[in-house]
Protein backbone atom coordinates (compact mmCIF):
# COMPACT_ATOMS: atom_id res chain seq x y z
CA UNK A 1 -14.93 111.67 -32.99
CA UNK A 2 -12.53 112.23 -35.80
CA UNK A 3 -10.70 115.35 -36.79
CA UNK A 4 -10.31 116.88 -40.23
CA UNK A 5 -7.07 117.64 -41.64
CA UNK A 6 -7.76 121.33 -40.91
CA UNK A 7 -8.23 120.51 -37.17
CA UNK A 8 -4.95 118.37 -36.86
CA UNK A 9 -1.86 120.15 -35.98
CA UNK A 10 1.51 118.72 -37.35
CA UNK A 11 4.26 118.85 -34.86
CA UNK A 12 7.94 117.77 -34.79
CA UNK A 13 8.71 115.32 -32.06
CA UNK A 14 10.74 118.03 -30.41
CA UNK A 15 7.82 120.50 -30.27
CA UNK A 16 5.54 117.70 -29.08
CA UNK A 17 7.98 116.73 -26.40
CA UNK A 18 8.30 120.41 -25.22
CA UNK A 19 4.51 120.83 -25.02
CA UNK A 20 4.00 117.44 -23.12
CA UNK A 21 6.77 118.58 -20.57
CA UNK A 22 5.01 122.00 -20.18
CA UNK A 23 1.65 120.27 -19.58
CA UNK A 24 3.34 117.86 -17.04
CA UNK A 25 4.85 120.71 -15.13
CA UNK A 26 1.53 122.83 -15.06
CA UNK A 27 -0.54 119.81 -13.93
CA UNK A 28 2.01 118.67 -11.28
CA UNK A 29 1.60 121.94 -9.31
CA UNK A 30 -0.35 121.43 -5.99
CA UNK A 31 -2.61 123.87 -4.54
CA UNK A 32 -4.75 126.50 -6.42
CA UNK A 33 -3.78 127.47 -9.86
CA UNK A 34 -4.95 130.72 -11.47
CA UNK A 35 -7.27 131.23 -14.30
CA UNK A 36 -4.20 131.96 -16.59
CA UNK A 37 -2.63 128.47 -15.74
CA UNK A 38 -6.11 126.65 -16.15
CA UNK A 39 -6.52 128.32 -19.62
CA UNK A 40 -2.99 127.23 -20.56
CA UNK A 41 -3.60 123.61 -19.42
CA UNK A 42 -6.77 123.50 -21.60
CA UNK A 43 -4.95 124.89 -24.49
CA UNK A 44 -2.08 122.42 -24.22
CA UNK A 45 -4.50 119.46 -23.99
CA UNK A 46 -6.34 120.77 -27.07
CA UNK A 47 -3.08 121.01 -29.08
CA UNK A 48 -1.76 117.61 -27.95
CA UNK A 49 -5.18 115.93 -28.62
CA UNK A 50 -5.10 117.20 -32.30
CA UNK A 51 -1.31 116.69 -32.70
CA UNK A 52 0.15 114.58 -35.47
CA UNK A 53 3.77 113.81 -35.01
CA UNK A 54 6.30 112.67 -37.39
CA UNK A 55 6.90 112.45 -41.23
CA UNK A 56 4.20 112.85 -43.77
CA UNK A 57 3.76 110.47 -46.77
CA UNK A 58 5.54 111.55 -49.87
CA UNK A 59 2.41 111.73 -51.94
CA UNK A 60 2.64 115.55 -53.08
CA UNK A 61 -0.34 116.59 -51.25
CA UNK A 62 -0.02 119.95 -49.53
CA UNK A 63 -0.75 119.75 -45.88
CA UNK A 64 0.93 120.68 -42.56
CA UNK A 65 4.31 118.99 -42.07
CA UNK A 66 5.28 119.53 -45.76
CA UNK A 67 7.94 121.52 -47.39
CA UNK A 68 6.28 123.53 -50.04
CA UNK A 69 7.78 125.25 -53.10
CA UNK A 70 5.65 127.78 -54.85
CA UNK A 71 5.97 130.18 -57.94
CA UNK A 72 3.99 133.24 -57.89
CA UNK A 73 2.41 134.49 -61.04
CA UNK A 74 4.67 136.64 -63.11
CA UNK A 75 7.77 135.73 -61.15
CA UNK A 76 10.40 133.31 -62.24
CA UNK A 77 11.73 132.67 -58.79
CA UNK A 78 10.34 130.30 -56.21
CA UNK A 79 9.58 130.42 -52.58
CA UNK A 80 10.19 127.59 -50.21
CA UNK A 81 8.57 127.12 -46.74
CA UNK A 82 7.41 124.73 -44.28
CA UNK A 83 3.65 124.62 -43.74
CA UNK A 84 3.08 124.42 -39.97
CA UNK A 85 1.90 126.46 -36.98
CA UNK A 86 4.60 129.15 -36.30
CA UNK A 87 4.07 129.24 -32.54
CA UNK A 88 4.28 125.57 -32.22
CA UNK A 89 7.58 125.25 -34.13
CA UNK A 90 9.40 128.41 -33.14
CA UNK A 91 11.69 126.87 -30.58
CA UNK A 92 12.50 123.85 -32.62
CA UNK A 93 16.22 123.86 -33.59
CA UNK A 94 15.62 121.25 -36.47
CA UNK A 95 13.61 123.98 -38.44
CA UNK A 96 15.82 126.09 -40.42
CA UNK A 97 13.36 127.38 -42.94
CA UNK A 98 10.67 129.87 -43.09
CA UNK A 99 7.31 128.58 -41.55
CA UNK A 100 3.93 129.67 -43.01
CA UNK A 101 0.70 128.89 -41.07
CA UNK A 102 -1.92 126.57 -42.60
CA UNK A 103 -4.43 129.17 -41.50
CA UNK A 104 -2.84 132.02 -43.29
CA UNK A 105 -4.42 133.26 -46.57
CA UNK A 106 -1.66 131.37 -48.60
CA UNK A 107 -1.94 128.40 -46.50
CA UNK A 108 -5.75 128.05 -46.80
CA UNK A 109 -5.24 128.60 -50.64
CA UNK A 110 -2.88 125.63 -51.01
CA UNK A 111 -3.86 123.04 -48.49
CA UNK A 112 -5.34 120.01 -50.02
CA UNK A 113 -3.78 120.71 -53.43
CA UNK A 114 -0.93 118.96 -55.43
CA UNK A 115 2.13 119.92 -57.19
CA UNK A 116 1.20 121.39 -60.51
CA UNK A 117 -2.06 122.85 -59.16
CA UNK A 118 -2.70 126.55 -59.32
CA UNK A 119 -3.88 128.69 -56.44
CA UNK A 120 -5.22 132.15 -55.76
CA UNK A 121 -5.86 134.09 -52.64
CA UNK A 122 -6.75 137.62 -51.51
CA UNK A 123 -4.43 139.48 -49.24
CA UNK A 124 -5.85 141.54 -46.33
CA UNK A 125 -5.46 144.60 -48.54
CA UNK A 126 -7.66 143.08 -51.22
CA UNK A 127 -4.88 142.32 -53.76
CA UNK A 128 -5.35 139.04 -55.66
CA UNK A 129 -2.23 136.67 -55.62
CA UNK A 130 -1.90 133.75 -57.99
CA UNK A 131 0.64 131.12 -58.38
CA UNK A 132 1.44 127.46 -58.83
CA UNK A 133 2.52 124.72 -56.37
CA UNK A 134 5.97 123.42 -57.74
CA UNK A 135 6.37 120.60 -55.20
CA UNK A 136 5.21 119.40 -51.76
CA UNK A 137 7.64 116.99 -49.89
CA UNK A 138 7.68 115.87 -46.34
CA UNK A 139 9.85 117.68 -43.84
CA UNK A 140 12.52 115.55 -42.35
CA UNK A 141 13.79 117.31 -39.14
């Protein structure tokens, strides 16, 4: 069974190692484990099974693991961020940049696009946001 790019979770090596260590610790416990521990073990296995670790190709494609620069319509300034799962990268000291989730409205609007492509998405309040992707380059942490 293959996973689509939307199912794949990009992780830094540090985040992957941290999750592997947590899974090892939880599964090494002897005796009965509670339902919360069982749920966490299943969650960790799912994350690690879908994980993609390391650098992305520098092909300009917007996908998790890329540093994205966007310009929102009517604004001359740009916004730069890493497209990755916030909760999975929160403890990674190599990441010194804002992190936006691929499942956020902005993330879903830009994923699969290239530099120069326009995008639009609706905020939870119903406001339409438009912009352009300036660049998408691999994160090197």
